[in-house]
Amino acid sequence: MIRLTYQSREELKRCLQDPVRRVLFHPDLLDVQVGEIADIEIGFKDSDIRFPMLAMVSARRVAQKGSVFPQGLYYEISQKDSQRYRRLHSFAYDTWRPRIGRQKRYRVVLTVSYRYSYSTHRARTRDISAQGLFVRSDHPLPEEGQDVLVRLRPSWFSWPVNLEARVCWLDQVDSRRGMGLSCSNTDGLKRLAALAKKLQNQAEPGKAA
């Protein structure tokens, strides 16, 4: 995973090069090869907003004496992530914003199982919030809007967390393949919120558990 951080949306605007070919520039000259296919994650300083995408490193620009242009790499975003590139563009120009009141997500990898259509599959989480989670899986996925049963058991919990969930969205890119779930059952939500709170405390050193 290549993480690309921008200082502001103004900097991002300057780096959105070609909306048709979905080209993005970033001023870090990383040790990757032109033509390499990579998972990238676009983020911003002092913000937890992230845009994961699949991209090809399409060109390299090195610093030249007297040049006003910074060194860096060009990334051509995959057609599979064209919608995310458009959303990134809209975010840069302030014509789209994340939903107000969206729960903070915490990155954590936990083993889970999910069940739908009389079959059960093992998977793992990528992140969780107090109201849902993202499940990364190479197994068959349900359709958007379908209900699933999810079970996860963090090592520090005595009992597994059983969740009744609905599929809100799917990510079909192979390296990120999975589903965003929104949970509904009262007991499951209470325990998911407790898990999110524990992760928050771990992320904030010195805060009482």
N, C-alpha and C. Protein backbone atom coordinates (compact mmCIF):
# COMPACT_ATOMS: atom_id res chain seq x y z
N MET A 1 0.84 -1.20 0.00
CA MET A 1 0.00 0.00 0.00
C MET A 1 0.88 1.25 0.00
N ILE A 2 0.64 2.15 -0.95
CA ILE A 2 1.36 3.43 -1.00
C ILE A 2 0.43 4.50 -0.45
N ARG A 3 0.84 5.17 0.61
CA ARG A 3 0.02 6.21 1.22
C ARG A 3 0.51 7.58 0.75
N LEU A 4 -0.39 8.32 0.16
CA LEU A 4 -0.08 9.64 -0.38
C LEU A 4 -0.83 10.68 0.44
N THR A 5 -0.11 11.53 1.14
CA THR A 5 -0.73 12.53 2.01
C THR A 5 -0.56 13.92 1.41
N TYR A 6 -1.66 14.66 1.36
CA TYR A 6 -1.65 16.05 0.89
C TYR A 6 -1.87 16.98 2.08
N GLN A 7 -1.26 18.16 2.00
CA GLN A 7 -1.36 19.11 3.09
C GLN A 7 -2.73 19.78 3.14
N SER A 8 -3.36 19.90 1.99
CA SER A 8 -4.65 20.59 1.94
C SER A 8 -5.36 20.24 0.64
N ARG A 9 -6.62 20.63 0.54
CA ARG A 9 -7.36 20.42 -0.71
C ARG A 9 -6.82 21.31 -1.83
N GLU A 10 -6.24 22.45 -1.46
CA GLU A 10 -5.64 23.32 -2.48
C GLU A 10 -4.46 22.61 -3.14
N GLU A 11 -3.65 21.93 -2.35
CA GLU A 11 -2.54 21.18 -2.93
C GLU A 11 -3.07 20.05 -3.81
N LEU A 12 -4.12 19.38 -3.35
CA LEU A 12 -4.70 18.30 -4.15
C LEU A 12 -5.20 18.82 -5.49
N LYS A 13 -5.84 19.97 -5.50
CA LYS A 13 -6.35 20.55 -6.76
C LYS A 13 -5.23 20.72 -7.77
N ARG A 14 -4.09 21.18 -7.31
CA ARG A 14 -2.94 21.39 -8.22
C ARG A 14 -2.41 20.07 -8.75
N CYS A 15 -2.70 18.97 -8.05
CA CYS A 15 -2.14 17.67 -8.43
C CYS A 15 -3.10 16.79 -9.22
N LEU A 16 -4.34 17.23 -9.40
CA LEU A 16 -5.29 16.50 -10.23
C LEU A 16 -5.04 16.91 -11.68
N GLN A 17 -4.34 16.08 -12.44
CA GLN A 17 -3.77 16.48 -13.71
C GLN A 17 -4.69 16.31 -14.91
N ASP A 18 -5.36 15.19 -15.02
CA ASP A 18 -6.10 14.86 -16.24
C ASP A 18 -7.35 14.08 -15.87
N PRO A 19 -8.54 14.75 -15.82
CA PRO A 19 -9.77 14.07 -15.42
C PRO A 19 -10.16 12.92 -16.34
N VAL A 20 -9.80 12.99 -17.62
CA VAL A 20 -10.18 11.94 -18.56
C VAL A 20 -9.36 10.68 -18.31
N ARG A 21 -8.06 10.83 -18.19
CA ARG A 21 -7.18 9.68 -17.93
C ARG A 21 -7.03 9.39 -16.44
N ARG A 22 -7.63 10.24 -15.60
CA ARG A 22 -7.62 10.06 -14.14
C ARG A 22 -6.18 10.07 -13.61
N VAL A 23 -5.43 11.10 -13.96
CA VAL A 23 -4.03 11.20 -13.56
C VAL A 23 -3.92 12.04 -12.29
N LEU A 24 -3.08 11.57 -11.39
CA LEU A 24 -2.84 12.24 -10.11
C LEU A 24 -1.33 12.38 -9.91
N PHE A 25 -0.88 13.57 -9.51
CA PHE A 25 0.53 13.79 -9.21
C PHE A 25 0.72 13.88 -7.70
N HIS A 26 1.85 13.36 -7.22
CA HIS A 26 2.19 13.53 -5.81
C HIS A 26 3.68 13.83 -5.71
N PRO A 27 4.06 14.81 -4.87
CA PRO A 27 5.46 15.27 -4.87
C PRO A 27 6.46 14.38 -4.16
N ASP A 28 6.07 13.24 -3.66
CA ASP A 28 7.05 12.31 -3.07
C ASP A 28 7.62 11.42 -4.17
N LEU A 29 8.95 11.41 -4.27
CA LEU A 29 9.61 10.59 -5.28
C LEU A 29 9.96 9.24 -4.65
N LEU A 30 8.99 8.34 -4.62
CA LEU A 30 9.14 7.07 -3.94
C LEU A 30 9.94 6.08 -4.79
N ASP A 31 10.43 5.04 -4.14
CA ASP A 31 11.24 4.03 -4.83
C ASP A 31 10.32 2.97 -5.44
N VAL A 32 9.60 3.36 -6.49
CA VAL A 32 8.75 2.44 -7.24
C VAL A 32 9.05 2.61 -8.72
N GLN A 33 8.72 1.60 -9.49
CA GLN A 33 9.05 1.61 -10.91
C GLN A 33 7.88 2.14 -11.75
N VAL A 34 8.21 2.89 -12.80
CA VAL A 34 7.19 3.31 -13.76
C VAL A 34 6.59 2.06 -14.40
N GLY A 35 5.28 2.01 -14.46
CA GLY A 35 4.58 0.84 -14.98
C GLY A 35 4.08 -0.09 -13.89
N GLU A 36 4.54 0.14 -12.66
CA GLU A 36 4.12 -0.71 -11.54
C GLU A 36 2.66 -0.44 -11.17
N ILE A 37 1.91 -1.51 -10.91
CA ILE A 37 0.53 -1.40 -10.45
C ILE A 37 0.54 -1.47 -8.93
N ALA A 38 -0.15 -0.54 -8.29
CA ALA A 38 -0.08 -0.48 -6.83
C ALA A 38 -1.41 -0.02 -6.24
N ASP A 39 -1.66 -0.47 -5.02
CA ASP A 39 -2.76 0.08 -4.24
C ASP A 39 -2.25 1.36 -3.59
N ILE A 40 -2.98 2.45 -3.79
CA ILE A 40 -2.61 3.70 -3.15
C ILE A 40 -3.75 4.14 -2.24
N GLU A 41 -3.41 4.94 -1.24
CA GLU A 41 -4.41 5.49 -0.33
C GLU A 41 -4.15 6.97 -0.19
N ILE A 42 -5.10 7.77 -0.61
CA ILE A 42 -4.94 9.23 -0.60
C ILE A 42 -5.55 9.77 0.68
N GLY A 43 -4.76 10.55 1.41
CA GLY A 43 -5.24 11.12 2.66
C GLY A 43 -4.79 12.57 2.80
N PHE A 44 -5.16 13.16 3.92
CA PHE A 44 -4.90 14.57 4.15
C PHE A 44 -4.38 14.78 5.57
N LYS A 45 -3.51 15.73 5.73
CA LYS A 45 -2.96 16.04 7.04
C LYS A 45 -4.08 16.45 7.99
N ASP A 46 -4.05 15.91 9.21
CA ASP A 46 -5.03 16.23 10.25
C ASP A 46 -6.45 15.88 9.84
N SER A 47 -6.61 14.79 9.10
CA SER A 47 -7.95 14.34 8.70
C SER A 47 -7.93 12.83 8.58
N ASP A 48 -9.07 12.19 8.93
CA ASP A 48 -9.14 10.73 8.81
C ASP A 48 -9.83 10.30 7.52
N ILE A 49 -10.08 11.24 6.60
CA ILE A 49 -10.69 10.92 5.30
C ILE A 49 -9.65 10.21 4.44
N ARG A 50 -10.03 9.08 3.85
CA ARG A 50 -9.13 8.30 3.02
C ARG A 50 -9.82 7.89 1.73
N PHE A 51 -9.04 7.86 0.63
CA PHE A 51 -9.54 7.41 -0.66
C PHE A 51 -8.63 6.29 -1.17
N PRO A 52 -8.95 5.03 -0.92
CA PRO A 52 -8.14 3.94 -1.48
C PRO A 52 -8.44 3.75 -2.96
N MET A 53 -7.41 3.55 -3.77
CA MET A 53 -7.58 3.37 -5.20
C MET A 53 -6.51 2.43 -5.75
N LEU A 54 -6.79 1.90 -6.92
CA LEU A 54 -5.81 1.10 -7.66
C LEU A 54 -5.23 1.97 -8.75
N ALA A 55 -3.91 1.99 -8.87
CA ALA A 55 -3.28 2.91 -9.83
C ALA A 55 -2.03 2.31 -10.44
N MET A 56 -1.66 2.85 -11.61
CA MET A 56 -0.39 2.53 -12.24
C MET A 56 0.53 3.74 -12.14
N VAL A 57 1.78 3.50 -11.74
CA VAL A 57 2.77 4.58 -11.74
C VAL A 57 3.11 4.87 -13.20
N SER A 58 2.65 6.01 -13.70
CA SER A 58 2.74 6.26 -15.14
C SER A 58 3.94 7.09 -15.56
N ALA A 59 4.51 7.87 -14.65
CA ALA A 59 5.68 8.70 -15.02
C ALA A 59 6.37 9.19 -13.76
N ARG A 60 7.62 9.58 -13.95
CA ARG A 60 8.45 10.08 -12.85
C ARG A 60 9.01 11.45 -13.26
N ARG A 61 8.95 12.42 -12.36
CA ARG A 61 9.52 13.73 -12.65
C ARG A 61 10.60 14.02 -11.60
N VAL A 62 11.82 14.19 -12.07
CA VAL A 62 12.93 14.46 -11.15
C VAL A 62 13.21 15.96 -11.14
N ALA A 63 13.78 16.42 -10.03
CA ALA A 63 14.07 17.84 -9.89
C ALA A 63 15.19 18.24 -10.83
N GLN A 64 14.99 19.35 -11.51
CA GLN A 64 16.02 19.87 -12.41
C GLN A 64 16.40 21.28 -11.99
N LYS A 65 17.65 21.61 -12.16
CA LYS A 65 18.15 22.91 -11.73
C LYS A 65 17.40 24.04 -12.44
N GLY A 66 16.87 24.94 -11.64
CA GLY A 66 16.16 26.09 -12.19
C GLY A 66 14.70 25.84 -12.47
N SER A 67 14.24 24.61 -12.33
CA SER A 67 12.84 24.30 -12.62
C SER A 67 11.95 24.72 -11.45
N VAL A 68 10.74 25.22 -11.77
CA VAL A 68 9.78 25.60 -10.73
C VAL A 68 8.87 24.44 -10.38
N PHE A 69 9.00 23.33 -11.11
CA PHE A 69 8.12 22.19 -10.88
C PHE A 69 8.77 21.22 -9.89
N PRO A 70 8.01 20.73 -8.92
CA PRO A 70 8.57 19.80 -7.94
C PRO A 70 8.77 18.42 -8.53
N GLN A 71 9.69 17.67 -7.93
CA GLN A 71 9.83 16.27 -8.32
C GLN A 71 8.67 15.47 -7.77
N GLY A 72 8.45 14.28 -8.33
CA GLY A 72 7.37 13.44 -7.84
C GLY A 72 6.98 12.37 -8.85
N LEU A 73 5.85 11.73 -8.57
CA LEU A 73 5.36 10.65 -9.41
C LEU A 73 3.95 10.95 -9.90
N TYR A 74 3.67 10.44 -11.10
CA TYR A 74 2.32 10.51 -11.66
C TYR A 74 1.67 9.13 -11.53
N TYR A 75 0.40 9.15 -11.14
CA TYR A 75 -0.37 7.91 -10.99
C TYR A 75 -1.60 7.98 -11.88
N GLU A 76 -1.80 6.93 -12.66
CA GLU A 76 -3.01 6.84 -13.49
C GLU A 76 -3.98 5.87 -12.79
N ILE A 77 -5.11 6.42 -12.35
CA ILE A 77 -6.08 5.66 -11.57
C ILE A 77 -6.81 4.67 -12.46
N SER A 78 -7.00 3.46 -11.96
CA SER A 78 -7.68 2.40 -12.71
C SER A 78 -9.12 2.79 -13.06
N GLN A 79 -9.57 2.31 -14.22
CA GLN A 79 -10.95 2.51 -14.62
C GLN A 79 -11.92 1.99 -13.56
N LYS A 80 -11.51 0.93 -12.85
CA LYS A 80 -12.37 0.37 -11.80
C LYS A 80 -12.65 1.38 -10.69
N ASP A 81 -11.74 2.33 -10.52
CA ASP A 81 -11.90 3.34 -9.47
C ASP A 81 -12.23 4.71 -10.05
N SER A 82 -12.82 4.75 -11.23
CA SER A 82 -13.16 6.03 -11.85
C SER A 82 -14.14 6.84 -11.00
N GLN A 83 -15.08 6.13 -10.38
CA GLN A 83 -16.06 6.82 -9.54
C GLN A 83 -15.38 7.45 -8.33
N ARG A 84 -14.41 6.75 -7.75
CA ARG A 84 -13.69 7.31 -6.60
C ARG A 84 -12.83 8.49 -7.02
N TYR A 85 -12.26 8.42 -8.23
CA TYR A 85 -11.47 9.56 -8.71
C TYR A 85 -12.38 10.79 -8.86
N ARG A 86 -13.59 10.58 -9.41
CA ARG A 86 -14.53 11.71 -9.55
C ARG A 86 -14.91 12.26 -8.18
N ARG A 87 -15.08 11.37 -7.19
CA ARG A 87 -15.43 11.85 -5.85
C ARG A 87 -14.26 12.61 -5.24
N LEU A 88 -13.03 12.14 -5.48
CA LEU A 88 -11.85 12.85 -5.01
C LEU A 88 -11.78 14.24 -5.62
N HIS A 89 -12.07 14.32 -6.93
CA HIS A 89 -12.08 15.60 -7.63
C HIS A 89 -13.14 16.52 -7.02
N SER A 90 -14.32 15.99 -6.74
CA SER A 90 -15.40 16.78 -6.14
C SER A 90 -15.02 17.24 -4.74
N PHE A 91 -14.33 16.36 -4.00
CA PHE A 91 -13.89 16.74 -2.66
C PHE A 91 -12.88 17.88 -2.73
N ALA A 92 -11.94 17.81 -3.68
CA ALA A 92 -10.93 18.85 -3.82
C ALA A 92 -11.57 20.21 -4.11
N TYR A 93 -12.64 20.21 -4.90
CA TYR A 93 -13.30 21.46 -5.30
C TYR A 93 -14.51 21.78 -4.42
N ASP A 94 -14.65 21.05 -3.32
CA ASP A 94 -15.68 21.30 -2.31
C ASP A 94 -17.11 21.20 -2.86
N THR A 95 -17.30 20.29 -3.82
CA THR A 95 -18.66 20.04 -4.31
C THR A 95 -19.21 18.73 -3.75
N TRP A 96 -18.40 18.03 -2.97
CA TRP A 96 -18.84 16.85 -2.23
C TRP A 96 -18.12 16.81 -0.90
N ARG A 97 -18.87 16.47 0.15
CA ARG A 97 -18.28 16.33 1.48
C ARG A 97 -18.77 15.03 2.10
N PRO A 98 -17.95 14.42 2.97
CA PRO A 98 -18.41 13.22 3.67
C PRO A 98 -19.67 13.52 4.46
N ARG A 99 -20.50 12.52 4.62
CA ARG A 99 -21.77 12.69 5.31
C ARG A 99 -21.55 13.22 6.73
N ILE A 100 -22.31 14.25 7.09
CA ILE A 100 -22.23 14.83 8.42
C ILE A 100 -22.65 13.79 9.45
N GLY A 101 -21.89 13.69 10.50
CA GLY A 101 -22.24 12.74 11.56
C GLY A 101 -21.71 11.34 11.32
N ARG A 102 -20.91 11.15 10.27
CA ARG A 102 -20.35 9.83 10.02
C ARG A 102 -19.48 9.40 11.18
N GLN A 103 -19.65 8.16 11.58
CA GLN A 103 -18.90 7.64 12.71
C GLN A 103 -17.42 7.50 12.36
N LYS A 104 -16.57 7.82 13.33
CA LYS A 104 -15.13 7.68 13.13
C LYS A 104 -14.78 6.22 12.98
N ARG A 105 -13.93 5.90 12.00
CA ARG A 105 -13.50 4.53 11.76
C ARG A 105 -12.15 4.28 12.40
N TYR A 106 -11.97 3.04 12.87
CA TYR A 106 -10.71 2.64 13.49
C TYR A 106 -10.15 1.46 12.72
N ARG A 107 -8.90 1.57 12.32
CA ARG A 107 -8.27 0.50 11.55
C ARG A 107 -7.93 -0.66 12.48
N VAL A 108 -8.45 -1.81 12.17
CA VAL A 108 -8.14 -2.99 12.96
C VAL A 108 -8.43 -4.23 12.12
N VAL A 109 -7.55 -5.21 12.22
CA VAL A 109 -7.73 -6.47 11.49
C VAL A 109 -8.17 -7.53 12.50
N LEU A 110 -9.41 -8.01 12.34
CA LEU A 110 -9.96 -9.05 13.20
C LEU A 110 -10.54 -10.15 12.32
N THR A 111 -10.43 -11.37 12.77
CA THR A 111 -11.03 -12.49 12.05
C THR A 111 -12.54 -12.47 12.27
N VAL A 112 -13.29 -12.61 11.19
CA VAL A 112 -14.75 -12.63 11.28
C VAL A 112 -15.28 -13.77 10.41
N SER A 113 -16.54 -14.08 10.61
CA SER A 113 -17.26 -14.95 9.68
C SER A 113 -18.56 -14.26 9.34
N TYR A 114 -19.03 -14.47 8.11
CA TYR A 114 -20.32 -13.88 7.73
C TYR A 114 -21.15 -14.96 7.03
N ARG A 115 -22.45 -14.87 7.24
CA ARG A 115 -23.36 -15.89 6.73
C ARG A 115 -24.49 -15.25 5.95
N TYR A 116 -24.75 -15.78 4.78
CA TYR A 116 -25.92 -15.39 3.99
C TYR A 116 -26.21 -16.54 3.02
N SER A 117 -27.45 -16.64 2.61
CA SER A 117 -27.88 -17.69 1.67
C SER A 117 -27.40 -19.07 2.10
N TYR A 118 -27.50 -19.35 3.40
CA TYR A 118 -27.20 -20.68 3.95
C TYR A 118 -25.73 -21.08 3.83
N SER A 119 -24.85 -20.14 3.60
CA SER A 119 -23.41 -20.46 3.55
C SER A 119 -22.65 -19.50 4.44
N THR A 120 -21.55 -19.99 5.03
CA THR A 120 -20.73 -19.19 5.94
C THR A 120 -19.32 -19.07 5.38
N HIS A 121 -18.75 -17.88 5.48
CA HIS A 121 -17.41 -17.62 4.93
C HIS A 121 -16.56 -16.90 5.98
N ARG A 122 -15.29 -17.23 6.02
CA ARG A 122 -14.34 -16.55 6.90
C ARG A 122 -13.73 -15.35 6.17
N ALA A 123 -13.48 -14.31 6.94
CA ALA A 123 -12.92 -13.09 6.35
C ALA A 123 -12.20 -12.33 7.46
N ARG A 124 -11.94 -11.05 7.22
CA ARG A 124 -11.32 -10.23 8.25
C ARG A 124 -11.79 -8.79 8.09
N THR A 125 -11.73 -8.05 9.16
CA THR A 125 -12.12 -6.65 9.10
C THR A 125 -10.97 -5.81 8.57
N ARG A 126 -11.31 -4.66 7.99
CA ARG A 126 -10.29 -3.66 7.65
C ARG A 126 -10.40 -2.47 8.61
N ASP A 127 -11.63 -2.11 8.95
CA ASP A 127 -11.86 -1.07 9.94
C ASP A 127 -13.25 -1.26 10.53
N ILE A 128 -13.47 -0.63 11.69
CA ILE A 128 -14.79 -0.67 12.31
C ILE A 128 -15.14 0.71 12.81
N SER A 129 -16.43 0.93 13.05
CA SER A 129 -16.91 2.13 13.73
C SER A 129 -17.93 1.67 14.77
N ALA A 130 -18.56 2.62 15.44
CA ALA A 130 -19.56 2.26 16.44
C ALA A 130 -20.84 1.72 15.81
N GLN A 131 -20.99 1.85 14.49
CA GLN A 131 -22.23 1.42 13.85
C GLN A 131 -22.03 0.44 12.69
N GLY A 132 -20.81 0.14 12.36
CA GLY A 132 -20.60 -0.78 11.24
C GLY A 132 -19.14 -1.17 11.08
N LEU A 133 -18.85 -1.82 9.97
CA LEU A 133 -17.49 -2.28 9.72
C LEU A 133 -17.32 -2.58 8.24
N PHE A 134 -16.05 -2.67 7.82
CA PHE A 134 -15.74 -3.12 6.47
C PHE A 134 -15.13 -4.50 6.58
N VAL A 135 -15.67 -5.44 5.81
CA VAL A 135 -15.19 -6.82 5.81
C VAL A 135 -14.47 -7.10 4.50
N ARG A 136 -13.21 -7.48 4.60
CA ARG A 136 -12.39 -7.82 3.43
C ARG A 136 -12.47 -9.32 3.19
N SER A 137 -12.87 -9.73 1.97
CA SER A 137 -13.07 -11.15 1.71
C SER A 137 -12.82 -11.48 0.25
N ASP A 138 -12.20 -12.64 0.02
CA ASP A 138 -12.05 -13.18 -1.33
C ASP A 138 -13.13 -14.20 -1.65
N HIS A 139 -14.04 -14.44 -0.71
CA HIS A 139 -15.14 -15.37 -0.90
C HIS A 139 -16.33 -14.67 -1.55
N PRO A 140 -17.37 -15.42 -1.93
CA PRO A 140 -18.56 -14.78 -2.53
C PRO A 140 -19.13 -13.70 -1.62
N LEU A 141 -19.59 -12.63 -2.24
CA LEU A 141 -20.16 -11.51 -1.50
C LEU A 141 -21.66 -11.39 -1.80
N PRO A 142 -22.44 -10.99 -0.81
CA PRO A 142 -23.86 -10.72 -1.08
C PRO A 142 -24.02 -9.45 -1.90
N GLU A 143 -25.22 -9.16 -2.33
CA GLU A 143 -25.50 -7.95 -3.09
C GLU A 143 -25.76 -6.78 -2.14
N GLU A 144 -25.64 -5.56 -2.67
CA GLU A 144 -25.97 -4.38 -1.87
C GLU A 144 -27.42 -4.48 -1.41
N GLY A 145 -27.65 -4.12 -0.16
CA GLY A 145 -28.98 -4.16 0.40
C GLY A 145 -29.35 -5.48 1.05
N GLN A 146 -28.52 -6.50 0.86
CA GLN A 146 -28.82 -7.82 1.42
C GLN A 146 -28.41 -7.88 2.89
N ASP A 147 -29.16 -8.65 3.69
CA ASP A 147 -28.85 -8.83 5.10
C ASP A 147 -27.88 -9.99 5.30
N VAL A 148 -26.94 -9.81 6.24
CA VAL A 148 -25.97 -10.86 6.56
C VAL A 148 -25.84 -10.94 8.08
N LEU A 149 -25.41 -12.10 8.55
CA LEU A 149 -25.07 -12.29 9.96
C LEU A 149 -23.55 -12.34 10.08
N VAL A 150 -23.00 -11.55 10.99
CA VAL A 150 -21.56 -11.45 11.14
C VAL A 150 -21.18 -11.81 12.57
N ARG A 151 -20.10 -12.55 12.71
CA ARG A 151 -19.58 -12.88 14.04
C ARG A 151 -18.10 -12.54 14.07
N LEU A 152 -17.70 -11.76 15.08
CA LEU A 152 -16.29 -11.48 15.28
C LEU A 152 -15.96 -11.69 16.75
N ARG A 153 -14.72 -12.07 17.00
CA ARG A 153 -14.30 -12.35 18.37
C ARG A 153 -12.92 -11.77 18.62
N PRO A 154 -12.86 -10.52 19.05
CA PRO A 154 -11.57 -9.94 19.43
C PRO A 154 -10.99 -10.73 20.60
N SER A 155 -9.67 -10.84 20.64
CA SER A 155 -9.03 -11.66 21.66
C SER A 155 -9.28 -11.14 23.07
N TRP A 156 -9.57 -9.82 23.19
CA TRP A 156 -9.75 -9.26 24.51
C TRP A 156 -11.22 -9.28 24.96
N PHE A 157 -12.13 -9.84 24.13
CA PHE A 157 -13.53 -9.99 24.51
C PHE A 157 -13.77 -11.43 24.94
N SER A 158 -14.58 -11.63 25.97
CA SER A 158 -14.85 -12.97 26.45
C SER A 158 -15.75 -13.75 25.51
N TRP A 159 -16.68 -13.07 24.86
CA TRP A 159 -17.65 -13.74 24.01
C TRP A 159 -17.63 -13.12 22.62
N PRO A 160 -17.97 -13.89 21.61
CA PRO A 160 -18.02 -13.32 20.26
C PRO A 160 -19.09 -12.24 20.14
N VAL A 161 -18.87 -11.31 19.22
CA VAL A 161 -19.84 -10.25 18.94
C VAL A 161 -20.66 -10.69 17.73
N ASN A 162 -21.95 -10.87 17.92
CA ASN A 162 -22.85 -11.28 16.85
C ASN A 162 -23.59 -10.05 16.33
N LEU A 163 -23.52 -9.84 15.03
CA LEU A 163 -24.06 -8.64 14.42
C LEU A 163 -25.05 -8.98 13.31
N GLU A 164 -26.19 -8.33 13.34
CA GLU A 164 -27.11 -8.37 12.21
C GLU A 164 -26.81 -7.15 11.37
N ALA A 165 -26.46 -7.36 10.12
CA ALA A 165 -25.95 -6.25 9.31
C ALA A 165 -26.58 -6.24 7.92
N ARG A 166 -26.47 -5.09 7.29
CA ARG A 166 -26.94 -4.93 5.90
C ARG A 166 -25.79 -4.40 5.06
N VAL A 167 -25.68 -4.91 3.86
CA VAL A 167 -24.61 -4.48 2.95
C VAL A 167 -24.94 -3.10 2.39
N CYS A 168 -24.11 -2.11 2.70
CA CYS A 168 -24.33 -0.74 2.21
C CYS A 168 -23.64 -0.49 0.88
N TRP A 169 -22.45 -1.09 0.71
CA TRP A 169 -21.71 -0.90 -0.54
C TRP A 169 -20.69 -2.01 -0.69
N LEU A 170 -20.26 -2.20 -1.93
CA LEU A 170 -19.28 -3.24 -2.26
C LEU A 170 -18.05 -2.62 -2.91
N ASP A 171 -16.91 -3.20 -2.64
CA ASP A 171 -15.68 -2.83 -3.34
C ASP A 171 -15.23 -4.07 -4.10
N GLN A 172 -15.22 -4.01 -5.44
CA GLN A 172 -14.93 -5.18 -6.26
C GLN A 172 -13.49 -5.23 -6.75
N VAL A 173 -12.65 -4.26 -6.38
CA VAL A 173 -11.24 -4.31 -6.76
C VAL A 173 -10.58 -5.46 -6.01
N ASP A 174 -9.91 -6.36 -6.73
CA ASP A 174 -9.43 -7.61 -6.15
C ASP A 174 -8.63 -7.42 -4.86
N SER A 175 -7.71 -6.48 -4.85
CA SER A 175 -6.82 -6.32 -3.69
C SER A 175 -7.53 -5.72 -2.48
N ARG A 176 -8.75 -5.16 -2.69
CA ARG A 176 -9.49 -4.56 -1.57
C ARG A 176 -10.87 -5.20 -1.41
N ARG A 177 -11.13 -6.27 -2.13
CA ARG A 177 -12.47 -6.80 -2.29
C ARG A 177 -13.17 -7.02 -0.95
N GLY A 178 -14.39 -6.49 -0.83
CA GLY A 178 -15.12 -6.64 0.41
C GLY A 178 -16.39 -5.82 0.42
N MET A 179 -16.94 -5.60 1.62
CA MET A 179 -18.24 -4.93 1.74
C MET A 179 -18.29 -4.07 2.99
N GLY A 180 -18.96 -2.93 2.85
CA GLY A 180 -19.24 -2.05 3.97
C GLY A 180 -20.57 -2.43 4.57
N LEU A 181 -20.60 -2.66 5.88
CA LEU A 181 -21.79 -3.14 6.56
C LEU A 181 -22.28 -2.14 7.60
N SER A 182 -23.59 -2.01 7.67
CA SER A 182 -24.24 -1.22 8.72
C SER A 182 -24.98 -2.18 9.63
N CYS A 183 -24.76 -2.08 10.94
CA CYS A 183 -25.32 -3.04 11.89
C CYS A 183 -26.58 -2.47 12.55
N SER A 184 -27.47 -3.38 13.00
CA SER A 184 -28.77 -2.93 13.48
C SER A 184 -29.19 -3.51 14.82
N ASN A 185 -28.77 -4.74 15.17
CA ASN A 185 -29.29 -5.33 16.40
C ASN A 185 -28.72 -4.61 17.63
N THR A 186 -29.57 -4.36 18.62
CA THR A 186 -29.22 -3.52 19.77
C THR A 186 -28.03 -4.05 20.55
N ASP A 187 -28.03 -5.34 20.89
CA ASP A 187 -26.94 -5.91 21.67
C ASP A 187 -25.63 -5.86 20.89
N GLY A 188 -25.69 -6.21 19.60
CA GLY A 188 -24.49 -6.16 18.77
C GLY A 188 -23.93 -4.77 18.66
N LEU A 189 -24.80 -3.76 18.51
CA LEU A 189 -24.35 -2.37 18.41
C LEU A 189 -23.68 -1.91 19.70
N LYS A 190 -24.22 -2.33 20.84
CA LYS A 190 -23.61 -1.95 22.12
C LYS A 190 -22.19 -2.49 22.22
N ARG A 191 -22.02 -3.74 21.82
CA ARG A 191 -20.69 -4.36 21.93
C ARG A 191 -19.74 -3.81 20.86
N LEU A 192 -20.28 -3.48 19.69
CA LEU A 192 -19.44 -2.87 18.65
C LEU A 192 -18.98 -1.49 19.09
N ALA A 193 -19.89 -0.73 19.71
CA ALA A 193 -19.54 0.60 20.23
C ALA A 193 -18.47 0.48 21.32
N ALA A 194 -18.58 -0.56 22.18
CA ALA A 194 -17.58 -0.77 23.22
C ALA A 194 -16.22 -1.11 22.61
N LEU A 195 -16.24 -1.89 21.54
CA LEU A 195 -14.99 -2.23 20.85
C LEU A 195 -14.37 -0.99 20.21
N ALA A 196 -15.20 -0.16 19.57
CA ALA A 196 -14.70 1.08 18.98
C ALA A 196 -14.13 2.01 20.05
N LYS A 197 -14.79 2.05 21.21
CA LYS A 197 -14.30 2.88 22.31
C LYS A 197 -12.94 2.40 22.79
N LYS A 198 -12.76 1.08 22.88
CA LYS A 198 -11.48 0.52 23.30
C LYS A 198 -10.38 0.89 22.31
N LEU A 199 -10.69 0.80 21.02
CA LEU A 199 -9.71 1.16 20.00
C LEU A 199 -9.39 2.65 20.06
N GLN A 200 -10.39 3.48 20.35
CA GLN A 200 -10.16 4.92 20.50
C GLN A 200 -9.20 5.19 21.65
N ASN A 201 -9.42 4.50 22.78
CA ASN A 201 -8.55 4.70 23.94
C ASN A 201 -7.12 4.26 23.64
N GLN A 202 -6.97 3.18 22.86
CA GLN A 202 -5.64 2.72 22.49
C GLN A 202 -4.94 3.71 21.56
N ALA A 203 -5.74 4.43 20.76
CA ALA A 203 -5.18 5.38 19.80
C ALA A 203 -4.85 6.72 20.46
N GLU A 204 -5.33 6.92 21.69
CA GLU A 204 -5.10 8.18 22.41
C GLU A 204 -4.34 7.87 23.69
N PRO A 205 -3.01 7.81 23.64
CA PRO A 205 -2.20 7.46 24.82
C PRO A 205 -2.52 8.37 26.00
N GLY A 206 -2.62 7.76 27.18
CA GLY A 206 -2.86 8.53 28.38
C GLY A 206 -4.32 8.65 28.73
N LYS A 207 -5.22 8.25 27.81
CA LYS A 207 -6.64 8.34 28.11
C LYS A 207 -7.08 7.09 28.84
N ALA A 208 -7.88 7.27 29.87
CA ALA A 208 -8.31 6.15 30.70
C ALA A 208 -9.16 5.19 29.90
N ALA A 209 -8.96 3.89 30.14
CA ALA A 209 -9.73 2.88 29.43
C ALA A 209 -11.12 2.77 30.03
